[in-house]
Amino acid sequence: MNKHLTLLLGLMFALGISAEQMPEGYYDALNGKKDSVLKSTISQIILGGQRYQYGSQSDGNHTADKVDPFTNQTLWKKGDPRYGTWNAYQLTDIESDGTIWDMYSNIKRYLPINGGSAASTDIEHSFPKSWWGGEKGCLSAYTDLYILNPADHMTNANKSNYPPGFLADSAKVNNGVFFMGQDKTWGGLAFDVIDEYKGDFARAYFYTATAYEKISWVADYKKYINNTSYLGFTPHLVEVLLAWHRADPVSEKEVNRLDAVSSIQHNRNAFIEYPDLVEYIWGNKQGEAVDLDKLQCTTDSTYEFPVSATNPLAHEVEKIYKDSFLVTWSNTGSETYTLDVFTREESGSNDTLFAVYGINNAALKAYPDIMSYHKANGDQITSSQGITDGSYAITMGTTSEQRYFLLKNLDFDREEAELIVKCAISRNDTKPQKMVVSADDKEIKTITLTANDSFPRFEIPVGTKQVKIASVKGNRISMHQIFVVRGDYKVTETSIDGFPLTLAADEYLVKTPFDKDDVLYFRVTPKGLRPTNTVKVVGNGLVPDKPDDPIEAIDNMQSSKSNVRKVFENGVVIIVRDGVKYNMMGQRL
């Protein structure tokens, strides 16, 4: 069932973590419950557990216990390793080709090999943190991986705290995966995603409204949330979320992520495990009492994931021989399938040299040898901070004074690095504002910022000693985050001879020398649909003496449940296995 199992277990083993499945009897208390009582019972079951810190804490141990005042749960204990969200993503959000699973864009990115954050990627609250007051409102929710996703910088900046919706247009954002425009009912901005991720978002929203149902939601967002109803959402948002939940059934990817998050937090998302619970609380089964024995459980070993355009699946390879292996995938009803079998080679490196997620007094004091903040005459500023859009920031200039920010003592000697700055113009400014980035007093680039230009990138030349970020006099800019990244890490995929290959079947015998410990990969693209997951195949040498005769090779494929026979049909020999016909090369007819 777990298509990422090999990668996931390897990473978990390295960190001493085991994939965690549903404990026996975990949901038994739900039997006989309905409506608001059912929702509150789910909340009591899933609210607990531990958390990783938000961000990238990876060195040393916690110096004290951390108890969330809102939930009264101990999130981490004194002496525990200091793991952060970026550490978690190595377990929860890596696709089988090694890239970050980003539900906000189709850009391929990798987490740094040595840990830390990924360039141009944010830690995003899929359920907006401002709806409940963020970290101070409830630290457990703020650090909850079930609603924290890796997200493309620019898309996240535009998403802000807008709700999901039914869009009349996608005028603000349309990157092929994530869309923003005017909502048909609210009239204001809302977001949409491709069908493949609609259910992921909906079940994260249902989870948040249930696990943290005692939160008093912020009144500013009363168009979307409702403090007077146990449902938690206004009718239109319920309509949107139900439509998304129904359009995109629980996928194998969600279940894999559920087990990975549970291994860290030791709590579950009931709406991934028992998706019908959504209907009992918000949908067409309101008023009915739950009988768990009658509900489908997606983590049960007998559960079969629905195959659709949003969830085409390639299967783990079970039949592996010295000169071949049998690949199979779910039949989506497509006219043809394109099978690619390839090798993968990793090269280069990807390092985050420096990352600050909130620029304030504490950050300036923590890194005095790396960053500093100055007036135009060079005088250092040590006590200026403010709050902009809910996050710490420093002001890079006023209408009367120019200010600048220095980065120094970073290793720019080996190869070219990149500087990424999260910044914004003042809320009160309608005109574009300018900032200048210099390396050793030589201007690299002048950037003109508008309301939507908040993540400019700059290449830092090799040998640079210090970087200066300055506003142009009279221009007001606030700086929120700084990243300095370096590296050219990439994965090169090379198809083996004869591939890609177009087929009208849902399995194929790949003929290639395949000795023990050789590694190949395959994925399949149904015509008109997205590609399947990528499956890794490792030679095991289990049939070292298998004959080269294709007929005998197919005989060797049979299991105790198979029925294989050779017959003549239209003057040629064909193979019939379990009622399915194959030619002499093992290709389905």
Protein backbone atom coordinates (compact mmCIF):
# COMPACT_ATOMS: atom_id res chain seq x y z
CA MET A 1 0.00 0.00 0.00
CA ASN A 2 2.82 2.45 0.81
CA LYS A 3 4.40 3.58 -2.43
CA HIS A 4 7.00 5.63 -0.57
CA LEU A 5 7.69 2.92 1.99
CA THR A 6 11.31 2.28 1.06
CA LEU A 7 12.27 5.96 1.10
CA LEU A 8 10.16 6.69 4.16
CA LEU A 9 11.54 3.81 6.24
CA GLY A 10 15.10 4.73 5.31
CA LEU A 11 14.64 8.29 6.53
CA MET A 12 12.79 7.21 9.65
CA PHE A 13 15.47 4.64 10.47
CA ALA A 14 18.11 7.37 10.24
CA LEU A 15 16.20 9.46 12.78
CA GLY A 16 15.20 6.56 14.97
CA ILE A 17 11.50 6.86 14.02
CA SER A 18 9.11 4.09 13.01
CA ALA A 19 6.07 4.57 10.77
CA GLU A 20 3.10 4.57 13.10
CA GLN A 21 -0.21 2.97 12.22
CA MET A 22 -3.58 3.34 13.92
CA PRO A 23 -3.50 1.96 17.48
CA GLU A 24 -6.04 -0.78 18.18
CA GLY A 25 -9.29 0.64 19.53
CA TYR A 26 -8.23 4.23 18.78
CA TYR A 27 -11.66 5.27 17.48
CA ASP A 28 -13.92 2.85 19.43
CA ALA A 29 -15.50 5.71 21.41
CA LEU A 30 -17.12 7.02 18.21
CA ASN A 31 -19.61 4.15 18.00
CA GLY A 32 -23.17 5.35 18.56
CA LYS A 33 -22.23 9.05 18.47
CA LYS A 34 -23.72 11.62 16.08
CA ASP A 35 -23.62 15.31 15.15
CA SER A 36 -22.00 17.63 17.73
CA VAL A 37 -21.32 14.81 20.22
CA LEU A 38 -19.53 12.86 17.48
CA LYS A 39 -17.41 15.86 16.57
CA SER A 40 -16.46 16.55 20.20
CA THR A 41 -15.58 12.88 20.73
CA ILE A 42 -13.28 12.94 17.72
CA SER A 43 -11.70 16.10 19.13
CA GLN A 44 -11.00 14.38 22.46
CA ILE A 45 -9.29 11.49 20.63
CA ILE A 46 -7.12 13.41 18.17
CA LEU A 47 -6.22 16.60 20.04
CA GLY A 48 -3.26 15.22 22.01
CA GLY A 49 0.24 14.24 21.01
CA GLN A 50 3.60 15.93 20.66
CA ARG A 51 4.90 18.47 18.13
CA TYR A 52 8.10 19.46 16.37
CA GLN A 53 9.01 23.13 16.71
CA TYR A 54 8.06 25.40 13.83
CA GLY A 55 11.07 26.01 11.58
CA SER A 56 14.43 24.30 11.44
CA GLN A 57 15.72 23.49 14.93
CA SER A 58 18.03 20.50 14.50
CA ASP A 59 20.98 20.90 16.89
CA GLY A 60 21.10 20.22 20.61
CA ASN A 61 18.25 19.43 22.99
CA HIS A 62 15.30 21.38 24.38
CA THR A 63 16.21 23.23 27.55
CA ALA A 64 12.76 23.01 29.16
CA ASP A 65 9.37 21.34 28.87
CA LYS A 66 6.93 23.12 26.54
CA VAL A 67 3.26 23.01 27.49
CA ASP A 68 0.63 24.65 25.31
CA PRO A 69 -1.57 26.79 27.61
CA PHE A 70 -4.55 26.34 25.29
CA THR A 71 -4.58 22.53 25.15
CA ASN A 72 -2.55 21.87 28.32
CA GLN A 73 -0.59 19.23 26.40
CA THR A 74 3.17 18.78 26.64
CA LEU A 75 4.48 19.39 23.13
CA TRP A 76 8.11 18.48 23.88
CA LYS A 77 10.15 17.73 26.97
CA LYS A 78 13.42 18.95 28.39
CA GLY A 79 16.28 17.03 26.81
CA ASP A 80 14.30 15.95 23.72
CA PRO A 81 16.14 16.41 20.39
CA ARG A 82 15.36 19.76 18.77
CA TYR A 83 13.58 18.73 15.58
CA GLY A 84 11.79 21.33 13.46
CA THR A 85 9.22 21.35 10.67
CA TRP A 86 11.87 21.12 7.94
CA ASN A 87 13.15 17.91 9.55
CA ALA A 88 9.62 16.52 9.48
CA TYR A 89 9.17 17.25 5.77
CA GLN A 90 11.97 14.81 4.99
CA LEU A 91 9.59 12.12 6.26
CA THR A 92 6.17 13.47 5.34
CA ASP A 93 6.39 15.38 2.05
CA ILE A 94 8.96 13.83 -0.28
CA GLU A 95 7.79 12.33 -3.56
CA SER A 96 9.22 9.00 -4.65
CA ASP A 97 11.57 10.80 -7.08
CA GLY A 98 13.13 12.69 -4.15
CA THR A 99 11.46 16.06 -4.79
CA ILE A 100 9.34 18.04 -2.34
CA TRP A 101 5.63 17.27 -2.58
CA ASP A 102 4.31 20.78 -3.18
CA MET A 103 0.52 21.16 -3.46
CA TYR A 104 0.95 24.83 -4.39
CA SER A 105 2.98 24.58 -7.61
CA ASN A 106 4.50 22.13 -10.09
CA ILE A 107 8.05 23.38 -9.56
CA LYS A 108 10.51 20.60 -8.75
CA ARG A 109 12.62 21.37 -5.68
CA TYR A 110 14.70 19.34 -3.23
CA LEU A 111 15.32 19.63 0.48
CA PRO A 112 18.99 20.22 1.33
CA ILE A 113 20.90 17.00 1.89
CA ASN A 114 22.30 18.33 5.16
CA GLY A 115 18.91 19.37 6.54
CA GLY A 116 17.30 22.76 6.84
CA SER A 117 14.94 24.73 4.65
CA ALA A 118 14.48 24.57 0.89
CA ALA A 119 15.06 27.65 -1.23
CA SER A 120 11.88 29.36 -2.47
CA THR A 121 9.74 27.13 -0.26
CA ASP A 122 7.68 28.15 2.77
CA ILE A 123 6.20 26.33 5.74
CA GLU A 124 2.56 27.06 4.99
CA HIS A 125 -0.52 26.76 7.20
CA SER A 126 -3.08 25.32 4.78
CA PHE A 127 -5.71 26.38 7.33
CA PRO A 128 -4.81 30.07 7.85
CA LYS A 129 -3.21 30.65 11.25
CA SER A 130 -4.68 34.15 11.47
CA TRP A 131 -8.16 32.58 11.71
CA TRP A 132 -7.32 31.46 15.26
CA GLY A 133 -4.60 33.93 16.26
CA GLY A 134 -1.50 31.98 15.24
CA GLU A 135 1.19 30.87 17.66
CA LYS A 136 -0.19 32.84 20.62
CA GLY A 137 -3.74 31.68 19.94
CA CYS A 138 -2.84 27.97 20.07
CA LEU A 139 0.73 26.70 19.78
CA SER A 140 -0.44 23.10 19.19
CA ALA A 141 -2.31 24.15 16.06
CA TYR A 142 0.50 26.47 14.95
CA THR A 143 2.97 23.55 14.93
CA ASP A 144 0.56 20.82 13.73
CA LEU A 145 1.94 18.97 10.70
CA TYR A 146 -1.53 17.92 9.56
CA ILE A 147 -2.06 21.53 8.46
CA LEU A 148 1.56 22.50 7.70
CA ASN A 149 2.69 21.95 4.12
CA PRO A 150 5.76 22.87 2.09
CA ALA A 151 4.62 25.54 -0.36
CA ASP A 152 6.02 27.61 -3.20
CA HIS A 153 7.06 31.07 -1.89
CA MET A 154 5.16 33.19 -4.38
CA THR A 155 1.96 31.15 -4.27
CA ASN A 156 1.93 31.22 -0.49
CA ALA A 157 2.47 34.98 -0.46
CA ASN A 158 -0.61 35.43 -2.65
CA LYS A 159 -2.72 32.87 -0.78
CA SER A 160 -2.27 34.82 2.47
CA ASN A 161 -5.29 34.00 4.68
CA TYR A 162 -7.91 33.73 1.93
CA PRO A 163 -10.34 30.77 2.00
CA PRO A 164 -10.96 27.96 -0.49
CA GLY A 165 -13.82 28.74 -2.84
CA PHE A 166 -15.64 28.35 -6.14
CA LEU A 167 -13.84 30.83 -8.40
CA ALA A 168 -15.38 33.08 -11.01
CA ASP A 169 -11.88 33.64 -12.45
CA SER A 170 -8.20 32.96 -11.74
CA ALA A 171 -6.94 36.44 -12.49
CA LYS A 172 -4.63 36.70 -9.46
CA VAL A 173 -2.82 33.30 -9.59
CA ASN A 174 -2.81 30.52 -12.15
CA ASN A 175 0.31 28.34 -12.13
CA GLY A 176 -1.37 25.16 -13.35
CA VAL A 177 -1.77 23.74 -9.83
CA PHE A 178 -2.99 26.61 -7.65
CA PHE A 179 -5.50 29.30 -8.62
CA MET A 180 -6.78 32.54 -7.07
CA GLY A 181 -9.52 34.90 -8.11
CA GLN A 182 -12.94 36.18 -7.15
CA ASP A 183 -15.21 33.77 -5.31
CA LYS A 184 -18.66 33.38 -6.91
CA THR A 185 -20.51 33.78 -3.60
CA TRP A 186 -18.33 35.92 -1.33
CA GLY A 187 -17.19 38.24 -4.13
CA GLY A 188 -13.76 38.57 -2.50
CA LEU A 189 -10.60 36.59 -3.20
CA ALA A 190 -10.46 32.83 -2.69
CA PHE A 191 -8.23 29.98 -3.86
CA ASP A 192 -8.68 26.71 -5.73
CA VAL A 193 -6.37 23.77 -6.49
CA ILE A 194 -6.32 20.96 -9.01
CA ASP A 195 -8.63 18.03 -8.27
CA GLU A 196 -5.71 15.90 -7.06
CA TYR A 197 -5.32 18.06 -3.94
CA LYS A 198 -8.87 19.26 -3.24
CA GLY A 199 -9.53 16.48 -0.72
CA ASP A 200 -6.18 16.99 1.00
CA PHE A 201 -7.08 20.61 1.74
CA ALA A 202 -10.70 19.86 2.71
CA ARG A 203 -9.74 17.13 5.18
CA ALA A 204 -7.11 19.44 6.74
CA TYR A 205 -9.85 22.05 7.31
CA PHE A 206 -12.25 19.48 8.80
CA TYR A 207 -9.43 18.21 11.04
CA THR A 208 -8.59 21.70 12.34
CA ALA A 209 -12.21 22.64 13.03
CA THR A 210 -12.58 19.37 14.97
CA ALA A 211 -9.30 18.92 16.85
CA TYR A 212 -9.30 22.57 17.94
CA GLU A 213 -13.05 23.11 18.17
CA LYS A 214 -12.73 24.94 21.50
CA ILE A 215 -10.74 27.72 19.85
CA SER A 216 -12.60 31.01 19.64
CA TRP A 217 -12.11 31.88 15.97
CA VAL A 218 -11.09 35.45 15.14
CA ALA A 219 -14.14 37.61 14.42
CA ASP A 220 -12.48 39.29 11.41
CA TYR A 221 -13.09 36.13 9.39
CA LYS A 222 -16.78 35.64 10.14
CA LYS A 223 -17.55 35.23 6.42
CA TYR A 224 -15.83 31.83 6.65
CA ILE A 225 -15.94 30.63 10.27
CA ASN A 226 -18.73 30.50 12.81
CA ASN A 227 -18.24 30.49 16.59
CA THR A 228 -21.94 29.90 17.31
CA SER A 229 -22.32 26.56 15.48
CA TYR A 230 -20.60 23.25 16.23
CA LEU A 231 -19.97 22.96 12.46
CA GLY A 232 -17.31 25.67 12.79
CA PHE A 233 -17.78 27.00 9.25
CA THR A 234 -20.35 29.20 7.53
CA PRO A 235 -22.71 27.44 5.07
CA HIS A 236 -20.84 28.48 1.92
CA LEU A 237 -17.48 27.26 3.22
CA VAL A 238 -19.12 23.95 4.25
CA GLU A 239 -20.46 23.69 0.70
CA VAL A 240 -16.99 24.26 -0.78
CA LEU A 241 -15.21 21.84 1.55
CA LEU A 242 -17.79 19.08 1.05
CA ALA A 243 -17.51 19.45 -2.72
CA TRP A 244 -13.70 19.22 -2.52
CA HIS A 245 -13.84 16.24 -0.14
CA ARG A 246 -16.18 14.35 -2.46
CA ALA A 247 -14.34 15.26 -5.66
CA ASP A 248 -10.99 13.90 -4.43
CA PRO A 249 -11.22 10.69 -2.37
CA VAL A 250 -8.45 9.81 0.08
CA SER A 251 -5.32 8.83 -1.83
CA GLU A 252 -2.42 6.58 -0.98
CA LYS A 253 -0.28 9.71 -0.65
CA GLU A 254 -2.54 10.99 2.15
CA VAL A 255 -2.43 7.71 4.05
CA ASN A 256 1.36 7.54 3.77
CA ARG A 257 1.58 11.09 5.10
CA LEU A 258 -0.89 10.28 7.89
CA ASP A 259 1.31 7.44 9.15
CA ALA A 260 4.44 9.60 8.87
CA VAL A 261 2.91 12.52 10.78
CA SER A 262 1.49 10.12 13.38
CA SER A 263 5.00 8.72 13.94
CA ILE A 264 6.06 12.25 14.96
CA GLN A 265 2.97 13.60 16.74
CA HIS A 266 1.24 10.38 17.88
CA ASN A 267 -2.20 11.61 16.91
CA ARG A 268 -4.30 10.89 13.80
CA ASN A 269 -6.53 12.69 11.29
CA ALA A 270 -9.83 10.83 11.57
CA PHE A 271 -11.14 12.23 8.28
CA ILE A 272 -8.33 10.61 6.30
CA GLU A 273 -8.73 7.30 8.13
CA TYR A 274 -12.57 7.24 8.05
CA PRO A 275 -13.55 9.75 5.33
CA ASP A 276 -17.28 9.04 5.78
CA LEU A 277 -17.11 10.78 9.18
CA VAL A 278 -17.20 14.04 7.23
CA GLU A 279 -20.70 13.20 6.03
CA TYR A 280 -21.93 12.39 9.57
CA ILE A 281 -20.91 15.84 10.83
CA TRP A 282 -21.23 18.23 7.86
CA GLY A 283 -22.82 16.18 5.07
CA ASN A 284 -25.67 13.93 4.06
CA LYS A 285 -25.58 11.65 7.14
CA GLN A 286 -26.26 14.28 9.78
CA GLY A 287 -28.51 12.88 12.50
CA GLU A 288 -27.26 9.30 12.01
CA ALA A 289 -25.24 7.47 14.65
CA VAL A 290 -21.85 6.06 13.64
CA ASP A 291 -21.18 2.34 13.39
CA LEU A 292 -17.45 1.98 12.71
CA ASP A 293 -17.81 -1.59 11.48
CA LYS A 294 -19.85 -0.31 8.56
CA LEU A 295 -17.41 2.44 7.56
CA GLN A 296 -14.55 2.04 5.12
CA CYS A 297 -11.17 2.48 6.77
CA THR A 298 -8.46 3.68 4.36
CA THR A 299 -5.66 2.26 6.51
CA ASP A 300 -7.13 -1.24 6.55
CA SER A 301 -4.97 -3.71 4.61
CA THR A 302 -7.96 -4.74 2.47
CA TYR A 303 -8.86 -1.19 1.41
CA GLU A 304 -8.45 -0.48 -2.30
CA PHE A 305 -7.78 3.13 -3.23
CA PRO A 306 -10.11 4.41 -5.94
CA VAL A 307 -8.39 4.82 -9.28
CA SER A 308 -9.14 8.07 -11.04
CA ALA A 309 -7.57 10.90 -13.00
CA THR A 310 -6.45 12.34 -9.66
CA ASN A 311 -4.93 9.11 -8.41
CA PRO A 312 -3.32 6.84 -11.06
CA LEU A 313 -1.07 4.33 -9.30
CA ALA A 314 1.92 2.22 -10.22
CA HIS A 315 2.38 -0.81 -7.99
CA GLU A 316 5.36 -2.11 -6.08
CA VAL A 317 7.20 -4.76 -8.10
CA GLU A 318 6.92 -8.28 -6.70
CA LYS A 319 8.16 -10.44 -9.58
CA ILE A 320 11.86 -9.71 -10.13
CA TYR A 321 14.27 -11.95 -12.06
CA LYS A 322 17.87 -11.81 -13.15
CA ASP A 323 17.03 -10.48 -16.61
CA SER A 324 13.57 -9.00 -16.17
CA PHE A 325 10.88 -7.71 -13.83
CA LEU A 326 7.12 -7.37 -14.17
CA VAL A 327 5.69 -3.87 -13.74
CA THR A 328 1.98 -3.29 -13.11
CA TRP A 329 -0.26 -0.27 -12.61
CA SER A 330 -3.90 0.54 -12.05
CA ASN A 331 -6.12 0.45 -15.10
CA THR A 332 -7.65 3.93 -15.42
CA GLY A 333 -9.58 3.08 -18.56
CA SER A 334 -7.16 5.11 -20.65
CA GLU A 335 -6.66 4.27 -24.32
CA THR A 336 -2.87 3.97 -23.92
CA TYR A 337 -0.18 4.20 -21.24
CA THR A 338 3.36 5.52 -21.59
CA LEU A 339 5.81 3.44 -19.54
CA ASP A 340 9.22 4.90 -18.76
CA VAL A 341 11.97 2.84 -17.12
CA PHE A 342 15.03 4.81 -16.13
CA THR A 343 18.06 5.28 -13.91
CA ARG A 344 18.48 8.17 -11.48
CA GLU A 345 21.71 9.94 -10.61
CA GLU A 346 22.09 12.56 -7.90
CA SER A 347 24.74 15.23 -8.25
CA GLY A 348 25.81 18.53 -6.75
CA SER A 349 24.84 19.90 -3.37
CA ASN A 350 22.12 22.05 -1.89
CA ASP A 351 23.00 23.99 1.25
CA THR A 352 21.13 26.60 3.22
CA LEU A 353 23.92 28.79 4.57
CA PHE A 354 21.70 31.07 6.63
CA ALA A 355 17.97 31.35 7.35
CA VAL A 356 16.02 33.79 9.54
CA TYR A 357 12.24 33.34 9.63
CA GLY A 358 11.37 36.49 11.59
CA ILE A 359 13.65 39.53 11.71
CA ASN A 360 13.30 41.16 15.13
CA ASN A 361 15.41 42.22 18.11
CA ALA A 362 15.99 38.62 19.15
CA ALA A 363 17.22 37.64 15.69
CA LEU A 364 19.58 40.63 15.51
CA LYS A 365 21.00 39.73 18.93
CA ALA A 366 21.29 36.03 18.04
CA TYR A 367 23.45 36.61 14.94
CA PRO A 368 25.52 39.77 15.63
CA ASP A 369 28.48 38.45 13.61
CA ILE A 370 26.30 37.66 10.58
CA MET A 371 23.70 40.40 10.28
CA SER A 372 23.26 43.98 11.43
CA TYR A 373 20.87 46.89 10.83
CA HIS A 374 22.00 50.49 10.19
CA LYS A 375 21.01 54.07 9.54
CA ALA A 376 22.24 55.68 6.32
CA ASN A 377 25.22 57.23 8.17
CA GLY A 378 26.38 53.81 9.34
CA ASP A 379 25.11 53.98 12.92
CA GLN A 380 23.87 50.58 14.03
CA ILE A 381 20.23 50.13 15.06
CA THR A 382 19.57 47.45 17.68
CA SER A 383 16.04 48.07 18.93
CA SER A 384 13.78 48.68 15.96
CA GLN A 385 11.12 46.12 15.22
CA GLY A 386 7.52 46.00 14.18
CA ILE A 387 4.69 43.69 13.22
CA THR A 388 3.75 43.51 9.55
CA ASP A 389 1.02 41.16 8.31
CA GLY A 390 1.22 39.15 11.53
CA SER A 391 4.97 38.42 11.41
CA TYR A 392 8.07 40.11 12.78
CA ALA A 393 9.79 42.52 10.41
CA ILE A 394 12.16 45.48 10.39
CA THR A 395 11.56 48.67 8.46
CA MET A 396 14.08 49.27 5.68
CA GLY A 397 13.42 52.98 5.40
CA THR A 398 11.00 55.78 6.08
CA THR A 399 9.84 58.74 4.04
CA SER A 400 12.70 60.79 5.46
CA GLU A 401 15.46 58.28 6.22
CA GLN A 402 17.30 55.56 4.33
CA ARG A 403 18.29 52.40 6.21
CA TYR A 404 20.20 49.29 5.26
CA PHE A 405 20.84 45.73 6.35
CA LEU A 406 24.23 43.96 6.26
CA LEU A 407 25.00 40.24 5.87
CA LYS A 408 28.63 39.32 6.56
CA ASN A 409 30.99 36.47 7.46
CA LEU A 410 29.14 33.96 5.31
CA ASP A 411 31.02 31.49 3.11
CA PHE A 412 30.74 32.91 -0.41
CA ASP A 413 34.18 31.64 -1.43
CA ARG A 414 33.47 28.20 -2.90
CA GLU A 415 30.71 28.83 -5.41
CA GLU A 416 27.99 31.28 -6.31
CA ALA A 417 25.19 31.63 -3.75
CA GLU A 418 21.70 33.11 -3.85
CA LEU A 419 20.04 35.55 -1.51
CA ILE A 420 16.26 35.36 -1.09
CA VAL A 421 14.47 38.09 0.85
CA LYS A 422 10.86 38.05 1.95
CA CYS A 423 9.84 41.70 2.02
CA ALA A 424 6.90 43.98 1.35
CA ILE A 425 6.01 47.59 0.79
CA SER A 426 4.15 49.52 3.48
CA ARG A 427 0.43 48.88 3.68
CA ASN A 428 -0.14 52.59 3.27
CA ASP A 429 1.82 52.86 0.02
CA THR A 430 0.05 52.45 -3.29
CA LYS A 431 3.09 53.27 -5.43
CA PRO A 432 5.97 50.83 -6.12
CA GLN A 433 8.96 51.07 -3.77
CA LYS A 434 12.63 50.40 -4.54
CA MET A 435 15.45 48.54 -2.82
CA VAL A 436 19.10 48.00 -3.84
CA VAL A 437 21.26 44.94 -3.18
CA SER A 438 25.05 45.34 -3.28
CA ALA A 439 27.99 42.96 -2.87
CA ASP A 440 31.09 44.58 -1.38
CA ASP A 441 29.59 48.00 -2.27
CA LYS A 442 29.04 47.01 -5.92
CA GLU A 443 25.39 47.13 -6.91
CA ILE A 444 23.96 43.78 -7.95
CA LYS A 445 20.43 44.85 -8.71
CA THR A 446 17.76 47.43 -8.01
CA ILE A 447 14.35 45.90 -7.37
CA THR A 448 11.02 47.67 -7.73
CA LEU A 449 8.49 46.17 -5.31
CA THR A 450 4.74 46.21 -5.64
CA ALA A 451 2.16 44.58 -3.38
CA ASN A 452 2.74 41.23 -5.09
CA ASP A 453 6.55 41.30 -5.41
CA SER A 454 7.62 39.96 -2.04
CA PHE A 455 10.29 37.32 -2.76
CA PRO A 456 13.08 38.82 -4.89
CA ARG A 457 16.18 36.66 -5.49
CA PHE A 458 19.75 37.81 -6.03
CA GLU A 459 22.85 35.92 -7.12
CA ILE A 460 25.85 36.65 -4.87
CA PRO A 461 29.22 36.57 -6.67
CA VAL A 462 31.96 34.18 -5.50
CA GLY A 463 34.34 35.84 -3.06
CA THR A 464 31.84 38.36 -1.69
CA LYS A 465 32.64 39.46 1.87
CA GLN A 466 29.42 41.26 2.75
CA VAL A 467 26.00 41.93 1.23
CA LYS A 468 24.11 45.19 1.71
CA ILE A 469 20.33 45.46 1.33
CA ALA A 470 19.14 49.04 1.30
CA SER A 471 15.99 50.97 0.57
CA VAL A 472 16.14 53.90 -1.79
CA LYS A 473 15.68 57.14 0.15
CA GLY A 474 12.02 57.98 0.57
CA ASN A 475 10.94 54.37 -0.08
CA ARG A 476 9.40 52.28 2.71
CA ILE A 477 10.05 48.52 2.72
CA SER A 478 9.72 45.96 5.52
CA MET A 479 11.94 42.85 5.63
CA HIS A 480 10.44 39.66 7.06
CA GLN A 481 12.77 36.75 6.25
CA ILE A 482 16.25 36.16 4.81
CA PHE A 483 17.65 33.02 3.19
CA VAL A 484 21.13 32.50 1.78
CA VAL A 485 21.30 29.30 -0.27
CA ARG A 486 23.94 27.69 -2.43
CA GLY A 487 24.17 24.60 -4.52
CA ASP A 488 23.36 22.86 -7.75
CA TYR A 489 21.81 19.66 -6.41
CA LYS A 490 19.84 17.87 -9.09
CA VAL A 491 18.58 14.46 -10.07
CA THR A 492 19.22 13.26 -13.64
CA GLU A 493 16.88 10.62 -15.02
CA THR A 494 18.03 8.58 -18.05
CA SER A 495 15.67 6.17 -19.80
CA ILE A 496 17.06 2.72 -20.54
CA ASP A 497 17.12 1.40 -24.12
CA GLY A 498 13.68 0.95 -25.61
CA PHE A 499 11.87 3.34 -23.27
CA PRO A 500 9.61 5.30 -22.97
CA LEU A 501 7.19 2.80 -24.50
CA THR A 502 3.49 3.28 -25.33
CA LEU A 503 1.25 0.33 -24.41
CA ALA A 504 -2.41 -0.62 -24.42
CA ALA A 505 -2.11 -2.69 -21.23
CA ASP A 506 -1.74 -2.33 -17.48
CA GLU A 507 1.39 -4.47 -17.05
CA TYR A 508 4.62 -5.20 -18.88
CA LEU A 509 7.59 -7.55 -18.55
CA VAL A 510 10.68 -5.32 -18.68
CA LYS A 511 13.50 -7.32 -20.28
CA THR A 512 16.92 -6.02 -19.17
CA PRO A 513 20.01 -7.38 -17.41
CA PHE A 514 19.11 -6.99 -13.76
CA ASP A 515 21.61 -8.44 -11.35
CA LYS A 516 21.40 -8.32 -7.59
CA ASP A 517 21.40 -4.75 -6.15
CA ASP A 518 20.97 -3.09 -9.57
CA VAL A 519 18.51 -0.18 -9.25
CA LEU A 520 15.96 1.04 -11.79
CA TYR A 521 12.83 3.17 -11.54
CA PHE A 522 9.58 3.30 -13.49
CA ARG A 523 6.50 5.46 -13.80
CA VAL A 524 3.48 5.34 -16.08
CA THR A 525 1.49 8.15 -17.71
CA PRO A 526 -2.08 7.21 -18.67
CA LYS A 527 -3.15 9.07 -21.80
CA GLY A 528 -4.65 12.39 -20.80
CA LEU A 529 -3.85 11.97 -17.10
CA ARG A 530 -1.04 12.90 -14.72
CA PRO A 531 1.86 10.44 -14.26
CA THR A 532 1.71 7.81 -11.56
CA ASN A 533 4.05 7.68 -8.61
CA THR A 534 7.64 6.62 -9.31
CA VAL A 535 8.51 3.11 -8.14
CA LYS A 536 12.03 1.98 -7.28
CA VAL A 537 13.03 -1.55 -8.35
CA VAL A 538 16.07 -3.28 -6.84
CA GLY A 539 17.51 -6.48 -8.33
CA ASN A 540 17.32 -9.35 -5.87
CA GLY A 541 18.80 -12.27 -7.85
CA LEU A 542 16.06 -14.60 -6.64
CA VAL A 543 16.00 -16.59 -9.92
CA PRO A 544 19.68 -16.82 -10.91
CA ASP A 545 19.14 -19.77 -13.25
CA LYS A 546 15.96 -18.63 -14.97
CA PRO A 547 15.96 -19.79 -18.62
CA ASP A 548 15.93 -17.23 -21.43
CA ASP A 549 12.95 -18.86 -23.17
CA PRO A 550 10.08 -16.32 -22.91
CA ILE A 551 7.51 -19.09 -22.43
CA GLU A 552 9.43 -20.60 -19.54
CA ALA A 553 10.06 -17.11 -18.19
CA ILE A 554 6.33 -16.53 -17.99
CA ASP A 555 5.93 -19.92 -16.34
CA ASN A 556 8.34 -18.70 -13.68
CA MET A 557 6.13 -15.69 -13.03
CA GLN A 558 3.23 -17.73 -11.79
CA SER A 559 2.38 -17.73 -8.11
CA SER A 560 0.34 -20.27 -6.18
CA LYS A 561 -2.76 -18.31 -7.15
CA SER A 562 -1.93 -18.14 -10.86
CA ASN A 563 -3.11 -20.40 -13.66
CA VAL A 564 -0.66 -20.30 -16.59
CA ARG A 565 -1.00 -22.37 -19.78
CA LYS A 566 0.28 -22.29 -23.38
CA VAL A 567 -2.18 -22.56 -26.27
CA PHE A 568 -2.21 -22.26 -30.07
CA GLU A 569 -4.39 -19.50 -31.46
CA ASN A 570 -4.43 -18.40 -35.11
CA GLY A 571 -1.26 -20.38 -35.78
CA VAL A 572 0.87 -18.89 -33.00
CA VAL A 573 1.68 -19.83 -29.42
CA ILE A 574 0.18 -17.52 -26.80
CA ILE A 575 0.22 -17.56 -23.02
CA VAL A 576 -2.97 -17.49 -20.96
CA ARG A 577 -2.54 -16.51 -17.32
CA ASP A 578 -5.61 -16.18 -15.10
CA GLY A 579 -7.69 -15.83 -18.25
CA VAL A 580 -5.54 -12.99 -19.69
CA LYS A 581 -3.69 -13.54 -23.00
CA TYR A 582 -0.01 -12.63 -23.59
CA ASN A 583 2.33 -12.97 -26.54
CA MET A 584 5.68 -14.79 -26.39
CA MET A 585 7.43 -11.69 -24.99
CA GLY A 586 5.05 -11.41 -22.07
CA GLN A 587 3.12 -8.49 -23.56
CA ARG A 588 -0.60 -8.43 -22.88
CA LEU A 589 -2.79 -8.98 -25.95
